[in-house]
């Protein structure tokens, strides 16, 4: 298993110490490993998925292209309002 060294803010170190003291984890190493695992899994990263190369600008353009002008719709829409 690879070993890494990290510097943690005091508040994070205190939280880890508190969790270990409250028997949430067996020891500090287990706490750090499980908390890091939970954090990484929160991102739901797929390693096998190739990157599409889509930029934020491409995503914005696609969103704009997907929008439809209500005046250009073929089907009349009954929104419930009458005069």
N, C-alpha and C. Protein backbone atom coordinates (compact mmCIF):
# COMPACT_ATOMS: atom_id res chain seq x y z
N UNK A 1 0.85 -1.17 0.00
CA UNK A 1 0.00 0.00 0.00
C UNK A 1 0.90 1.24 0.00
N UNK A 2 0.64 2.17 -0.90
CA UNK A 2 1.45 3.39 -0.94
C UNK A 2 1.26 4.21 0.33
N UNK A 3 2.28 4.89 0.71
CA UNK A 3 2.21 5.78 1.87
C UNK A 3 2.33 7.21 1.39
N UNK A 4 1.53 8.08 1.98
CA UNK A 4 1.59 9.50 1.64
C UNK A 4 1.67 10.31 2.92
N UNK A 5 2.14 11.52 2.77
CA UNK A 5 2.20 12.43 3.91
C UNK A 5 1.37 13.65 3.57
N UNK A 6 0.46 14.02 4.46
CA UNK A 6 -0.39 15.18 4.24
C UNK A 6 -0.32 16.10 5.44
N UNK A 7 -0.51 17.37 5.19
CA UNK A 7 -0.63 18.34 6.27
C UNK A 7 -2.09 18.72 6.39
N UNK A 8 -2.64 18.58 7.58
CA UNK A 8 -4.05 18.86 7.80
C UNK A 8 -4.21 20.09 8.68
N UNK A 9 -5.25 20.86 8.44
CA UNK A 9 -5.55 21.96 9.34
C UNK A 9 -5.86 21.40 10.74
N UNK A 10 -5.62 22.19 11.76
CA UNK A 10 -5.86 21.74 13.12
C UNK A 10 -7.30 21.26 13.34
N UNK A 11 -8.26 21.94 12.73
CA UNK A 11 -9.65 21.54 12.95
C UNK A 11 -9.93 20.15 12.39
N UNK A 12 -9.33 19.78 11.27
CA UNK A 12 -9.52 18.44 10.71
C UNK A 12 -8.83 17.41 11.59
N UNK A 13 -7.63 17.71 12.02
CA UNK A 13 -6.90 16.79 12.90
C UNK A 13 -7.68 16.57 14.20
N UNK A 14 -8.26 17.62 14.74
CA UNK A 14 -9.05 17.50 15.97
C UNK A 14 -10.31 16.65 15.73
N UNK A 15 -10.94 16.81 14.58
CA UNK A 15 -12.13 16.01 14.26
C UNK A 15 -11.77 14.53 14.14
N UNK A 16 -10.65 14.24 13.50
CA UNK A 16 -10.22 12.85 13.38
C UNK A 16 -9.92 12.27 14.75
N UNK A 17 -9.22 13.03 15.57
CA UNK A 17 -8.90 12.57 16.94
C UNK A 17 -10.18 12.31 17.73
N UNK A 18 -11.16 13.21 17.59
CA UNK A 18 -12.43 13.06 18.29
C UNK A 18 -13.16 11.80 17.84
N UNK A 19 -13.18 11.55 16.54
CA UNK A 19 -13.86 10.35 16.02
C UNK A 19 -13.20 9.07 16.53
N UNK A 20 -11.89 9.06 16.62
CA UNK A 20 -11.18 7.89 17.14
C UNK A 20 -11.49 7.71 18.62
N UNK A 21 -11.48 8.82 19.38
CA UNK A 21 -11.77 8.75 20.81
C UNK A 21 -13.20 8.29 21.08
N UNK A 22 -14.12 8.58 20.17
CA UNK A 22 -15.51 8.16 20.32
C UNK A 22 -15.75 6.77 19.75
N UNK A 23 -14.67 6.07 19.43
CA UNK A 23 -14.72 4.70 18.91
C UNK A 23 -15.45 4.58 17.57
N UNK A 24 -15.47 5.65 16.81
CA UNK A 24 -16.02 5.58 15.46
C UNK A 24 -15.06 4.81 14.56
N UNK A 25 -13.76 4.89 14.87
CA UNK A 25 -12.71 4.19 14.14
C UNK A 25 -11.78 3.54 15.15
N UNK A 26 -11.13 2.46 14.72
CA UNK A 26 -10.23 1.73 15.61
C UNK A 26 -9.00 2.56 15.96
N UNK A 27 -8.45 3.24 14.94
CA UNK A 27 -7.26 4.07 15.16
C UNK A 27 -7.24 5.20 14.12
N UNK A 28 -6.24 6.04 14.23
CA UNK A 28 -6.13 7.21 13.35
C UNK A 28 -5.93 6.77 11.89
N UNK A 29 -5.10 5.77 11.66
CA UNK A 29 -4.85 5.31 10.29
C UNK A 29 -6.14 4.84 9.62
N UNK A 30 -6.94 4.08 10.34
CA UNK A 30 -8.20 3.60 9.77
C UNK A 30 -9.13 4.78 9.49
N UNK A 31 -9.16 5.74 10.40
CA UNK A 31 -10.02 6.91 10.22
C UNK A 31 -9.62 7.69 8.97
N UNK A 32 -8.34 7.94 8.82
CA UNK A 32 -7.87 8.70 7.66
C UNK A 32 -8.16 7.94 6.38
N UNK A 33 -7.89 6.63 6.36
CA UNK A 33 -8.13 5.83 5.16
C UNK A 33 -9.61 5.83 4.78
N UNK A 34 -10.48 5.58 5.73
CA UNK A 34 -11.91 5.53 5.43
C UNK A 34 -12.47 6.89 5.03
N UNK A 35 -12.03 7.94 5.71
CA UNK A 35 -12.52 9.27 5.38
C UNK A 35 -12.05 9.71 4.00
N UNK A 36 -10.82 9.39 3.64
CA UNK A 36 -10.33 9.70 2.29
C UNK A 36 -11.09 8.89 1.24
N UNK A 37 -11.34 7.63 1.53
CA UNK A 37 -12.09 6.78 0.61
C UNK A 37 -13.48 7.34 0.37
N UNK A 38 -14.15 7.75 1.46
CA UNK A 38 -15.49 8.32 1.31
C UNK A 38 -15.45 9.61 0.50
N UNK A 39 -14.42 10.43 0.73
CA UNK A 39 -14.30 11.69 -0.01
C UNK A 39 -14.07 11.46 -1.48
N UNK A 40 -13.21 10.51 -1.82
CA UNK A 40 -12.93 10.22 -3.23
C UNK A 40 -14.15 9.61 -3.90
N UNK A 41 -14.85 8.72 -3.20
CA UNK A 41 -16.02 8.08 -3.81
C UNK A 41 -17.16 9.07 -4.00
N UNK A 42 -17.16 10.17 -3.26
CA UNK A 42 -18.19 11.19 -3.43
C UNK A 42 -18.11 11.83 -4.82
N UNK A 43 -16.93 11.81 -5.41
CA UNK A 43 -16.76 12.37 -6.75
C UNK A 43 -17.18 11.40 -7.83
N UNK A 44 -17.36 10.11 -7.50
CA UNK A 44 -17.82 9.09 -8.44
C UNK A 44 -17.01 9.12 -9.73
N UNK A 45 -15.71 9.06 -9.58
CA UNK A 45 -14.79 9.14 -10.70
C UNK A 45 -14.74 7.79 -11.42
N UNK A 46 -14.93 7.80 -12.72
CA UNK A 46 -14.83 6.60 -13.55
C UNK A 46 -13.48 6.63 -14.22
N UNK A 47 -12.60 5.69 -13.90
CA UNK A 47 -11.26 5.67 -14.47
C UNK A 47 -11.26 5.21 -15.92
N UNK A 48 -12.18 4.34 -16.31
CA UNK A 48 -12.18 3.77 -17.64
C UNK A 48 -12.81 4.68 -18.68
N UNK A 49 -13.47 5.72 -18.23
CA UNK A 49 -14.19 6.59 -19.14
C UNK A 49 -13.22 7.59 -19.78
N UNK A 50 -13.14 7.62 -21.10
CA UNK A 50 -12.25 8.60 -21.74
C UNK A 50 -12.81 10.00 -21.59
N UNK A 51 -11.92 10.96 -21.54
CA UNK A 51 -12.37 12.34 -21.42
C UNK A 51 -12.89 12.80 -22.77
N UNK A 52 -13.97 13.55 -22.75
CA UNK A 52 -14.59 13.99 -23.99
C UNK A 52 -13.95 15.26 -24.50
N UNK A 53 -13.26 15.98 -23.65
CA UNK A 53 -12.63 17.21 -24.08
C UNK A 53 -13.61 18.36 -24.16
N UNK A 54 -14.81 18.21 -23.63
CA UNK A 54 -15.80 19.27 -23.67
C UNK A 54 -15.40 20.37 -22.71
N UNK A 55 -15.43 21.57 -23.19
CA UNK A 55 -15.10 22.71 -22.34
C UNK A 55 -16.39 23.34 -21.83
N UNK A 56 -16.24 24.24 -20.89
CA UNK A 56 -17.42 24.93 -20.36
C UNK A 56 -18.13 25.69 -21.47
N UNK A 57 -17.36 26.25 -22.39
CA UNK A 57 -17.96 27.00 -23.49
C UNK A 57 -18.79 26.07 -24.37
N UNK A 58 -18.29 24.86 -24.65
CA UNK A 58 -19.05 23.90 -25.45
C UNK A 58 -20.34 23.53 -24.75
N UNK A 59 -20.27 23.32 -23.43
CA UNK A 59 -21.47 22.95 -22.69
C UNK A 59 -22.48 24.07 -22.72
N UNK A 60 -22.02 25.33 -22.61
CA UNK A 60 -22.94 26.47 -22.67
C UNK A 60 -23.59 26.54 -24.04
N UNK A 61 -22.79 26.39 -25.09
CA UNK A 61 -23.32 26.45 -26.46
C UNK A 61 -24.37 25.38 -26.68
N UNK A 62 -24.11 24.16 -26.20
CA UNK A 62 -25.06 23.07 -26.38
C UNK A 62 -26.36 23.38 -25.65
N UNK A 63 -26.26 23.95 -24.45
CA UNK A 63 -27.45 24.29 -23.69
C UNK A 63 -28.28 25.33 -24.44
N UNK A 64 -27.63 26.32 -25.00
CA UNK A 64 -28.33 27.35 -25.75
C UNK A 64 -28.98 26.75 -26.99
N UNK A 65 -28.26 25.84 -27.67
CA UNK A 65 -28.81 25.21 -28.87
C UNK A 65 -30.01 24.33 -28.54
N UNK A 66 -30.03 23.73 -27.34
CA UNK A 66 -31.13 22.85 -26.95
C UNK A 66 -32.39 23.62 -26.58
N UNK A 67 -32.24 24.90 -26.31
CA UNK A 67 -33.42 25.69 -25.94
C UNK A 67 -34.29 25.93 -27.16
N UNK A 68 -35.58 26.09 -26.91
CA UNK A 68 -36.51 26.28 -28.02
C UNK A 68 -37.33 27.54 -27.76
N UNK A 69 -37.45 28.35 -28.78
CA UNK A 69 -38.25 29.56 -28.70
C UNK A 69 -39.73 29.16 -28.70
N UNK A 70 -40.51 29.52 -27.66
CA UNK A 70 -41.92 29.14 -27.61
C UNK A 70 -42.71 29.63 -28.82
N UNK A 71 -42.32 30.76 -29.41
CA UNK A 71 -43.04 31.29 -30.56
C UNK A 71 -42.82 30.44 -31.81
N UNK A 72 -41.76 29.63 -31.81
CA UNK A 72 -41.43 28.81 -32.97
C UNK A 72 -41.97 27.38 -32.87
N UNK A 73 -42.69 27.07 -31.80
CA UNK A 73 -43.21 25.72 -31.62
C UNK A 73 -44.33 25.44 -32.62
N UNK A 74 -44.37 24.21 -33.14
CA UNK A 74 -45.38 23.82 -34.12
C UNK A 74 -46.74 23.59 -33.46
N UNK A 75 -46.74 23.00 -32.28
CA UNK A 75 -47.99 22.63 -31.62
C UNK A 75 -48.48 23.78 -30.74
N UNK A 76 -49.77 24.11 -30.85
CA UNK A 76 -50.30 25.15 -29.95
C UNK A 76 -50.29 24.64 -28.51
N UNK A 77 -50.00 25.52 -27.61
CA UNK A 77 -49.92 25.15 -26.20
C UNK A 77 -51.08 25.74 -25.45
N UNK A 78 -51.80 24.92 -24.70
CA UNK A 78 -52.91 25.41 -23.90
C UNK A 78 -52.39 25.69 -22.51
N UNK A 79 -52.13 26.97 -22.22
CA UNK A 79 -51.60 27.31 -20.90
C UNK A 79 -52.71 27.69 -19.93
N UNK A 80 -53.97 27.57 -20.36
CA UNK A 80 -55.10 27.79 -19.46
C UNK A 80 -55.59 29.23 -19.45
N UNK A 81 -54.91 30.15 -20.10
CA UNK A 81 -55.34 31.53 -20.11
C UNK A 81 -56.23 31.81 -21.32
N UNK A 82 -57.34 32.52 -21.08
CA UNK A 82 -58.22 32.92 -22.18
C UNK A 82 -58.64 34.35 -21.96
N UNK A 83 -59.04 34.99 -23.03
CA UNK A 83 -59.52 36.36 -22.94
C UNK A 83 -60.99 36.42 -23.17
